[in-house]
PDB file of all heavy atoms in Angstrom:
ATOM      1  N   SER A   1      71.803-129.337-151.763  1.00  0.00           N
ATOM      2  CA  SER A   1      71.301-129.760-153.051  1.00  0.00           C
ATOM      3  C   SER A   1      70.854-128.555-153.882  1.00  0.00           C
ATOM      4  O   SER A   1      70.317-127.591-153.362  1.00  0.00           O
ATOM      5  CB  SER A   1      70.114-130.718-152.838  1.00  0.00           C
ATOM      6  OG  SER A   1      69.468-130.946-154.060  1.00  0.00           O
ATOM      7  N   ILE A   2      71.066-128.637-155.208  1.00  0.00           N
ATOM      8  CA  ILE A   2      70.611-127.541-156.083  1.00  0.00           C
ATOM      9  C   ILE A   2      69.514-128.009-157.000  1.00  0.00           C
ATOM     10  O   ILE A   2      69.046-127.285-157.863  1.00  0.00           O
ATOM     11  CB  ILE A   2      71.779-127.022-156.954  1.00  0.00           C
ATOM     12  CG1 ILE A   2      72.330-128.135-157.874  1.00  0.00           C
ATOM     13  CG2 ILE A   2      72.892-126.421-156.107  1.00  0.00           C
ATOM     14  CD1 ILE A   2      73.245-127.638-158.936  1.00  0.00           C
ATOM     15  N   ASP A   3      69.035-129.285-156.856  1.00  0.00           N
ATOM     16  CA  ASP A   3      68.010-129.775-157.742  1.00  0.00           C
ATOM     17  C   ASP A   3      66.798-130.292-156.995  1.00  0.00           C
ATOM     18  O   ASP A   3      66.080-131.205-157.438  1.00  0.00           O
ATOM     19  CB  ASP A   3      68.593-130.888-158.658  1.00  0.00           C
ATOM     20  CG  ASP A   3      69.266-131.988-157.872  1.00  0.00           C
ATOM     21  OD1 ASP A   3      69.044-132.093-156.636  1.00  0.00           O
ATOM     22  OD2 ASP A   3      70.013-132.779-158.476  1.00  0.00           O
ATOM     23  N   MET A   4      66.579-129.743-155.795  1.00  0.00           N
ATOM     24  CA  MET A   4      65.401-130.098-154.966  1.00  0.00           C
ATOM     25  C   MET A   4      65.455-131.539-154.448  1.00  0.00           C
ATOM     26  O   MET A   4      64.464-132.064-153.929  1.00  0.00           O
ATOM     27  CB  MET A   4      64.093-129.895-155.761  1.00  0.00           C
ATOM     28  CG  MET A   4      63.897-128.450-156.235  1.00  0.00           C
ATOM     29  SD  MET A   4      63.749-127.307-154.827  1.00  0.00           S
ATOM     30  CE  MET A   4      62.160-127.826-154.128  1.00  0.00           C
ATOM     31  N   SER A   5      66.560-132.192-154.596  1.00  0.00           N
ATOM     32  CA  SER A   5      66.656-133.553-154.075  1.00  0.00           C
ATOM     33  C   SER A   5      67.041-133.519-152.609  1.00  0.00           C
ATOM     34  O   SER A   5      67.568-132.515-152.099  1.00  0.00           O
ATOM     35  CB  SER A   5      67.701-134.378-154.869  1.00  0.00           C
ATOM     36  OG  SER A   5      68.969-133.748-154.775  1.00  0.00           O
ATOM     37  N   GLU A   6      66.721-134.578-151.913  1.00  0.00           N
ATOM     38  CA  GLU A   6      67.036-134.681-150.502  1.00  0.00           C
ATOM     39  C   GLU A   6      67.732-136.007-150.245  1.00  0.00           C
ATOM     40  O   GLU A   6      67.311-137.039-150.682  1.00  0.00           O
ATOM     41  CB  GLU A   6      65.784-134.615-149.646  1.00  0.00           C
ATOM     42  CG  GLU A   6      65.019-133.282-149.766  1.00  0.00           C
ATOM     43  CD  GLU A   6      63.725-133.274-148.941  1.00  0.00           C
ATOM     44  OE1 GLU A   6      63.538-134.255-148.181  1.00  0.00           O
ATOM     45  OE2 GLU A   6      62.929-132.357-149.114  1.00  0.00           O
ATOM     46  N   LEU A   7      68.838-135.934-149.532  1.00  0.00           N
ATOM     47  CA  LEU A   7      69.554-137.136-149.119  1.00  0.00           C
ATOM     48  C   LEU A   7      68.947-137.635-147.808  1.00  0.00           C
ATOM     49  O   LEU A   7      68.709-136.881-146.909  1.00  0.00           O
ATOM     50  CB  LEU A   7      71.036-136.883-148.948  1.00  0.00           C
ATOM     51  CG  LEU A   7      71.733-136.126-150.050  1.00  0.00           C
ATOM     52  CD1 LEU A   7      73.229-136.118-149.827  1.00  0.00           C
ATOM     53  CD2 LEU A   7      71.445-136.743-151.407  1.00  0.00           C
ATOM     54  N   GLU A   8      68.636-138.915-147.801  1.00  0.00           N
ATOM     55  CA  GLU A   8      67.907-139.486-146.676  1.00  0.00           C
ATOM     56  C   GLU A   8      68.630-140.630-146.006  1.00  0.00           C
ATOM     57  O   GLU A   8      69.768-140.978-146.409  1.00  0.00           O
ATOM     58  CB  GLU A   8      66.532-139.980-147.138  1.00  0.00           C
ATOM     59  CG  GLU A   8      65.643-138.883-147.796  1.00  0.00           C
ATOM     60  CD  GLU A   8      65.017-137.977-146.739  1.00  0.00           C
ATOM     61  OE1 GLU A   8      65.205-138.212-145.550  1.00  0.00           O
ATOM     62  OE2 GLU A   8      64.365-137.021-147.151  1.00  0.00           O
ATOM     63  N   GLN A   9      68.031-141.200-144.990  1.00  0.00           N
ATOM     64  CA  GLN A   9      68.587-142.379-144.345  1.00  0.00           C
ATOM     65  C   GLN A   9      68.836-143.451-145.378  1.00  0.00           C
ATOM     66  O   GLN A   9      68.000-143.726-146.210  1.00  0.00           O
ATOM     67  CB  GLN A   9      67.591-142.913-143.294  1.00  0.00           C
ATOM     68  CG  GLN A   9      68.073-144.143-142.570  1.00  0.00           C
ATOM     69  CD  GLN A   9      67.049-144.662-141.570  1.00  0.00           C
ATOM     70  OE1 GLN A   9      65.975-144.093-141.406  1.00  0.00           O
ATOM     71  NE2 GLN A   9      67.345-145.791-140.937  1.00  0.00           N
ATOM     72  N   GLY A  10      69.962-144.074-145.322  1.00  0.00           N
ATOM     73  CA  GLY A  10      70.357-145.061-146.345  1.00  0.00           C
ATOM     74  C   GLY A  10      71.353-144.491-147.354  1.00  0.00           C
ATOM     75  O   GLY A  10      72.029-145.248-148.027  1.00  0.00           O
ATOM     76  N   ASP A  11      71.413-143.145-147.442  1.00  0.00           N
ATOM     77  CA  ASP A  11      72.389-142.545-148.350  1.00  0.00           C
ATOM     78  C   ASP A  11      73.751-142.423-147.676  1.00  0.00           C
ATOM     79  O   ASP A  11      74.781-142.174-148.333  1.00  0.00           O
ATOM     80  CB  ASP A  11      71.920-141.138-148.793  1.00  0.00           C
ATOM     81  CG  ASP A  11      70.807-141.218-149.789  1.00  0.00           C
ATOM     82  OD1 ASP A  11      70.859-142.040-150.709  1.00  0.00           O
ATOM     83  OD2 ASP A  11      69.836-140.450-149.675  1.00  0.00           O
ATOM     84  N   SER A  12      73.770-142.537-146.342  1.00  0.00           N
ATOM     85  CA  SER A  12      75.032-142.407-145.592  1.00  0.00           C
ATOM     86  C   SER A  12      76.146-143.295-146.150  1.00  0.00           C
ATOM     87  O   SER A  12      75.875-144.397-146.656  1.00  0.00           O
ATOM     88  CB  SER A  12      74.795-142.788-144.126  1.00  0.00           C
ATOM     89  OG  SER A  12      74.009-141.837-143.470  1.00  0.00           O
ATOM     90  N   GLY A  13      77.367-142.808-146.048  1.00  0.00           N
ATOM     91  CA  GLY A  13      78.497-143.583-146.504  1.00  0.00           C
ATOM     92  C   GLY A  13      78.838-143.380-147.957  1.00  0.00           C
ATOM     93  O   GLY A  13      79.977-143.695-148.390  1.00  0.00           O
ATOM     94  N   GLY A  14      77.886-142.842-148.723  1.00  0.00           N
ATOM     95  CA  GLY A  14      78.176-142.597-150.142  1.00  0.00           C
ATOM     96  C   GLY A  14      79.113-141.447-150.321  1.00  0.00           C
ATOM     97  O   GLY A  14      79.301-140.593-149.414  1.00  0.00           O
ATOM     98  N   GLY A  15      79.786-141.362-151.474  1.00  0.00           N
ATOM     99  CA  GLY A  15      80.820-140.378-151.682  1.00  0.00           C
ATOM    100  C   GLY A  15      80.303-139.175-152.491  1.00  0.00           C
ATOM    101  O   GLY A  15      79.552-139.355-153.489  1.00  0.00           O
ATOM    102  N   LEU A  16      80.693-137.987-152.106  1.00  0.00           N
ATOM    103  CA  LEU A  16      80.457-136.777-152.903  1.00  0.00           C
ATOM    104  C   LEU A  16      81.670-136.619-153.794  1.00  0.00           C
ATOM    105  O   LEU A  16      82.797-136.470-153.299  1.00  0.00           O
ATOM    106  CB  LEU A  16      80.247-135.557-151.996  1.00  0.00           C
ATOM    107  CG  LEU A  16      79.994-134.229-152.721  1.00  0.00           C
ATOM    108  CD1 LEU A  16      78.727-134.268-153.591  1.00  0.00           C
ATOM    109  CD2 LEU A  16      79.894-133.095-151.690  1.00  0.00           C
ATOM    110  N   VAL A  17      81.473-136.611-155.106  1.00  0.00           N
ATOM    111  CA  VAL A  17      82.591-136.580-156.050  1.00  0.00           C
ATOM    112  C   VAL A  17      82.537-135.273-156.841  1.00  0.00           C
ATOM    113  O   VAL A  17      81.480-134.735-157.125  1.00  0.00           O
ATOM    114  CB  VAL A  17      82.550-137.812-157.008  1.00  0.00           C
ATOM    115  CG1 VAL A  17      82.729-139.094-156.196  1.00  0.00           C
ATOM    116  CG2 VAL A  17      81.279-137.839-157.850  1.00  0.00           C
ATOM    117  N   PHE A  18      83.734-134.826-157.229  1.00  0.00           N
ATOM    118  CA  PHE A  18      83.872-133.643-158.100  1.00  0.00           C
ATOM    119  C   PHE A  18      84.730-134.050-159.291  1.00  0.00           C
ATOM    120  O   PHE A  18      85.658-134.831-159.191  1.00  0.00           O
ATOM    121  CB  PHE A  18      84.589-132.539-157.322  1.00  0.00           C
ATOM    122  CG  PHE A  18      83.779-131.962-156.189  1.00  0.00           C
ATOM    123  CD1 PHE A  18      83.787-132.598-154.952  1.00  0.00           C
ATOM    124  CD2 PHE A  18      83.041-130.811-156.361  1.00  0.00           C
ATOM    125  CE1 PHE A  18      83.052-132.086-153.874  1.00  0.00           C
ATOM    126  CE2 PHE A  18      82.297-130.296-155.295  1.00  0.00           C
ATOM    127  CZ  PHE A  18      82.299-130.920-154.054  1.00  0.00           C
ATOM    128  N   SER A  19      84.333-133.526-160.457  1.00  0.00           N
ATOM    129  CA  SER A  19      85.051-133.885-161.704  1.00  0.00           C
ATOM    130  C   SER A  19      86.219-132.975-161.906  1.00  0.00           C
ATOM    131  O   SER A  19      86.217-131.800-161.579  1.00  0.00           O
ATOM    132  CB  SER A  19      84.077-133.824-162.908  1.00  0.00           C
ATOM    133  OG  SER A  19      83.646-132.486-163.106  1.00  0.00           O
ATOM    134  N   ARG A  20      87.275-133.580-162.515  1.00  0.00           N
ATOM    135  CA  ARG A  20      88.438-132.808-162.917  1.00  0.00           C
ATOM    136  C   ARG A  20      88.841-133.281-164.308  1.00  0.00           C
ATOM    137  O   ARG A  20      88.768-134.482-164.623  1.00  0.00           O
ATOM    138  CB  ARG A  20      89.565-133.067-161.941  1.00  0.00           C
ATOM    139  CG  ARG A  20      89.341-132.504-160.554  1.00  0.00           C
ATOM    140  CD  ARG A  20      90.391-132.964-159.553  1.00  0.00           C
ATOM    141  NE  ARG A  20      91.739-132.615-160.000  1.00  0.00           N
ATOM    142  CZ  ARG A  20      92.846-133.072-159.407  1.00  0.00           C
ATOM    143  NH1 ARG A  20      92.764-133.895-158.394  1.00  0.00           N
ATOM    144  NH2 ARG A  20      94.034-132.684-159.857  1.00  0.00           N
ATOM    145  N   SER A  21      89.303-132.373-165.122  1.00  0.00           N
ATOM    146  CA  SER A  21      89.777-132.742-166.469  1.00  0.00           C
ATOM    147  C   SER A  21      91.272-132.954-166.413  1.00  0.00           C
ATOM    148  O   SER A  21      92.043-132.078-166.006  1.00  0.00           O
ATOM    149  CB  SER A  21      89.458-131.604-167.478  1.00  0.00           C
ATOM    150  OG  SER A  21      88.061-131.513-167.673  1.00  0.00           O
ATOM    151  N   LEU A  22      91.691-134.153-166.813  1.00  0.00           N
ATOM    152  CA  LEU A  22      93.109-134.509-166.810  1.00  0.00           C
ATOM    153  C   LEU A  22      93.568-134.707-168.267  1.00  0.00           C
ATOM    154  O   LEU A  22      92.793-135.013-169.140  1.00  0.00           O
ATOM    155  CB  LEU A  22      93.335-135.788-166.009  1.00  0.00           C
ATOM    156  CG  LEU A  22      92.806-135.791-164.566  1.00  0.00           C
ATOM    157  CD1 LEU A  22      93.080-137.126-163.916  1.00  0.00           C
ATOM    158  CD2 LEU A  22      93.505-134.688-163.764  1.00  0.00           C
ATOM    159  N   GLY A  23      94.838-134.552-168.473  1.00  0.00           N
ATOM    160  CA  GLY A  23      95.398-134.760-169.815  1.00  0.00           C
ATOM    161  C   GLY A  23      95.579-133.461-170.538  1.00  0.00           C
ATOM    162  O   GLY A  23      95.477-132.368-170.005  1.00  0.00           O
ATOM    163  N   THR A  24      95.771-133.558-171.869  1.00  0.00           N
ATOM    164  CA  THR A  24      96.025-132.378-172.693  1.00  0.00           C
ATOM    165  C   THR A  24      94.689-131.764-173.127  1.00  0.00           C
ATOM    166  O   THR A  24      93.629-132.342-172.945  1.00  0.00           O
ATOM    167  CB  THR A  24      96.821-132.764-173.962  1.00  0.00           C
ATOM    168  OG1 THR A  24      96.044-133.676-174.733  1.00  0.00           O
ATOM    169  CG2 THR A  24      98.128-133.429-173.552  1.00  0.00           C
ATOM    170  N   GLU A  25      94.785-130.571-173.751  1.00  0.00           N
ATOM    171  CA  GLU A  25      93.560-129.911-174.201  1.00  0.00           C
ATOM    172  C   GLU A  25      92.846-130.737-175.258  1.00  0.00           C
ATOM    173  O   GLU A  25      91.624-130.747-175.352  1.00  0.00           O
ATOM    174  CB  GLU A  25      93.892-128.509-174.757  1.00  0.00           C
ATOM    175  CG  GLU A  25      94.373-127.561-173.668  1.00  0.00           C
ATOM    176  CD  GLU A  25      94.599-126.165-174.244  1.00  0.00           C
ATOM    177  OE1 GLU A  25      94.339-125.961-175.462  1.00  0.00           O
ATOM    178  OE2 GLU A  25      95.084-125.277-173.501  1.00  0.00           O
ATOM    179  N   THR A  26      93.618-131.445-176.061  1.00  0.00           N
ATOM    180  CA  THR A  26      93.015-132.234-177.161  1.00  0.00           C
ATOM    181  C   THR A  26      92.545-133.591-176.686  1.00  0.00           C
ATOM    182  O   THR A  26      91.657-134.167-177.265  1.00  0.00           O
ATOM    183  CB  THR A  26      94.002-132.412-178.299  1.00  0.00           C
ATOM    184  OG1 THR A  26      95.194-133.007-177.815  1.00  0.00           O
ATOM    185  CG2 THR A  26      94.311-131.059-178.956  1.00  0.00           C
ATOM    186  N   GLU A  27      93.152-134.086-175.591  1.00  0.00           N
ATOM    187  CA  GLU A  27      92.788-135.397-175.076  1.00  0.00           C
ATOM    188  C   GLU A  27      92.475-135.332-173.613  1.00  0.00           C
ATOM    189  O   GLU A  27      92.913-136.132-172.770  1.00  0.00           O
ATOM    190  CB  GLU A  27      93.943-136.405-175.270  1.00  0.00           C
ATOM    191  CG  GLU A  27      94.247-136.656-176.768  1.00  0.00           C
ATOM    192  CD  GLU A  27      95.351-137.689-176.906  1.00  0.00           C
ATOM    193  OE1 GLU A  27      95.886-138.153-175.899  1.00  0.00           O
ATOM    194  OE2 GLU A  27      95.669-138.017-178.057  1.00  0.00           O
ATOM    195  N   ALA A  28      91.651-134.351-173.245  1.00  0.00           N
ATOM    196  CA  ALA A  28      91.240-134.189-171.866  1.00  0.00           C
ATOM    197  C   ALA A  28      90.336-135.330-171.453  1.00  0.00           C
ATOM    198  O   ALA A  28      89.449-135.746-172.172  1.00  0.00           O
ATOM    199  CB  ALA A  28      90.547-132.864-171.677  1.00  0.00           C
ATOM    200  N   LYS A  29      90.557-135.856-170.226  1.00  0.00           N
ATOM    201  CA  LYS A  29      89.758-136.921-169.726  1.00  0.00           C
ATOM    202  C   LYS A  29      89.090-136.479-168.430  1.00  0.00           C
ATOM    203  O   LYS A  29      89.779-136.033-167.507  1.00  0.00           O
ATOM    204  CB  LYS A  29      90.588-138.184-169.465  1.00  0.00           C
ATOM    205  CG  LYS A  29      91.154-138.801-170.722  1.00  0.00           C
ATOM    206  CD  LYS A  29      91.971-140.026-170.384  1.00  0.00           C
ATOM    207  CE  LYS A  29      92.535-140.678-171.663  1.00  0.00           C
ATOM    208  NZ  LYS A  29      93.367-141.868-171.352  1.00  0.00           N
ATOM    209  N   GLU A  30      87.794-136.582-168.360  1.00  0.00           N
ATOM    210  CA  GLU A  30      87.072-136.194-167.135  1.00  0.00           C
ATOM    211  C   GLU A  30      87.092-137.347-166.159  1.00  0.00           C
ATOM    212  O   GLU A  30      86.636-138.441-166.458  1.00  0.00           O
ATOM    213  CB  GLU A  30      85.625-135.823-167.500  1.00  0.00           C
ATOM    214  CG  GLU A  30      84.895-135.194-166.318  1.00  0.00           C
ATOM    215  CD  GLU A  30      83.519-134.761-166.672  1.00  0.00           C
ATOM    216  OE1 GLU A  30      82.824-135.518-167.390  1.00  0.00           O
ATOM    217  OE2 GLU A  30      83.089-133.653-166.265  1.00  0.00           O
ATOM    218  N   ARG A  31      87.666-137.123-164.984  1.00  0.00           N
ATOM    219  CA  ARG A  31      87.708-138.128-163.902  1.00  0.00           C
ATOM    220  C   ARG A  31      86.996-137.574-162.675  1.00  0.00           C
ATOM    221  O   ARG A  31      86.989-136.340-162.437  1.00  0.00           O
ATOM    222  CB  ARG A  31      89.171-138.424-163.542  1.00  0.00           C
ATOM    223  CG  ARG A  31      90.026-138.958-164.684  1.00  0.00           C
ATOM    224  CD  ARG A  31      89.574-140.333-165.151  1.00  0.00           C
ATOM    225  NE  ARG A  31      90.426-140.811-166.209  1.00  0.00           N
ATOM    226  CZ  ARG A  31      91.424-141.693-166.043  1.00  0.00           C
ATOM    227  NH1 ARG A  31      91.678-142.152-164.812  1.00  0.00           N
ATOM    228  NH2 ARG A  31      92.160-142.117-167.088  1.00  0.00           N
ATOM    229  N   TYR A  32      86.442-138.473-161.866  1.00  0.00           N
ATOM    230  CA  TYR A  32      85.752-138.071-160.674  1.00  0.00           C
ATOM    231  C   TYR A  32      86.533-138.475-159.452  1.00  0.00           C
ATOM    232  O   TYR A  32      86.947-139.624-159.325  1.00  0.00           O
ATOM    233  CB  TYR A  32      84.341-138.674-160.664  1.00  0.00           C
ATOM    234  CG  TYR A  32      83.413-137.949-161.627  1.00  0.00           C
ATOM    235  CD1 TYR A  32      83.456-138.230-162.981  1.00  0.00           C
ATOM    236  CD2 TYR A  32      82.529-136.985-161.161  1.00  0.00           C
ATOM    237  CE1 TYR A  32      82.622-137.569-163.868  1.00  0.00           C
ATOM    238  CE2 TYR A  32      81.716-136.303-162.042  1.00  0.00           C
ATOM    239  CZ  TYR A  32      81.759-136.593-163.405  1.00  0.00           C
ATOM    240  OH  TYR A  32      80.938-135.921-164.255  1.00  0.00           O
ATOM    241  N   PHE A  33      86.743-137.483-158.572  1.00  0.00           N
ATOM    242  CA  PHE A  33      87.511-137.691-157.327  1.00  0.00           C
ATOM    243  C   PHE A  33      86.585-137.588-156.147  1.00  0.00           C
ATOM    244  O   PHE A  33      85.711-136.719-156.118  1.00  0.00           O
ATOM    245  CB  PHE A  33      88.609-136.607-157.223  1.00  0.00           C
ATOM    246  CG  PHE A  33      89.744-136.792-158.148  1.00  0.00           C
ATOM    247  CD1 PHE A  33      89.634-136.536-159.518  1.00  0.00           C
ATOM    248  CD2 PHE A  33      90.975-137.259-157.676  1.00  0.00           C
ATOM    249  CE1 PHE A  33      90.677-136.715-160.380  1.00  0.00           C
ATOM    250  CE2 PHE A  33      92.043-137.432-158.550  1.00  0.00           C
ATOM    251  CZ  PHE A  33      91.918-137.165-159.922  1.00  0.00           C
ATOM    252  N   ILE A  34      86.760-138.432-155.161  1.00  0.00           N
ATOM    253  CA  ILE A  34      85.970-138.412-153.944  1.00  0.00           C
ATOM    254  C   ILE A  34      86.581-137.450-152.957  1.00  0.00           C
ATOM    255  O   ILE A  34      87.759-137.513-152.638  1.00  0.00           O
ATOM    256  CB  ILE A  34      85.793-139.816-153.333  1.00  0.00           C
ATOM    257  CG1 ILE A  34      84.873-139.782-152.130  1.00  0.00           C
ATOM    258  CG2 ILE A  34      87.121-140.428-152.980  1.00  0.00           C
ATOM    259  CD1 ILE A  34      84.445-141.131-151.627  1.00  0.00           C
ATOM    260  N   TYR A  35      85.764-136.487-152.499  1.00  0.00           N
ATOM    261  CA  TYR A  35      86.234-135.541-151.500  1.00  0.00           C
ATOM    262  C   TYR A  35      85.395-135.551-150.220  1.00  0.00           C
ATOM    263  O   TYR A  35      85.853-135.002-149.202  1.00  0.00           O
ATOM    264  CB  TYR A  35      86.231-134.128-152.097  1.00  0.00           C
ATOM    265  CG  TYR A  35      87.425-133.885-153.039  1.00  0.00           C
ATOM    266  CD1 TYR A  35      87.257-134.060-154.405  1.00  0.00           C
ATOM    267  CD2 TYR A  35      88.654-133.568-152.567  1.00  0.00           C
ATOM    268  CE1 TYR A  35      88.329-133.912-155.276  1.00  0.00           C
ATOM    269  CE2 TYR A  35      89.730-133.373-153.406  1.00  0.00           C
ATOM    270  CZ  TYR A  35      89.592-133.558-154.762  1.00  0.00           C
ATOM    271  OH  TYR A  35      90.650-133.415-155.619  1.00  0.00           O
TER     272      TYR A  35
END
């Protein structure tokens, strides 16, 4: 974590996602992918 947060019991199973910009430079769309 970079914001002092802590993942605890109950957070298991959740997805860590990273954003990617898809499309053209003028119509870029930010999408989140689970990794």
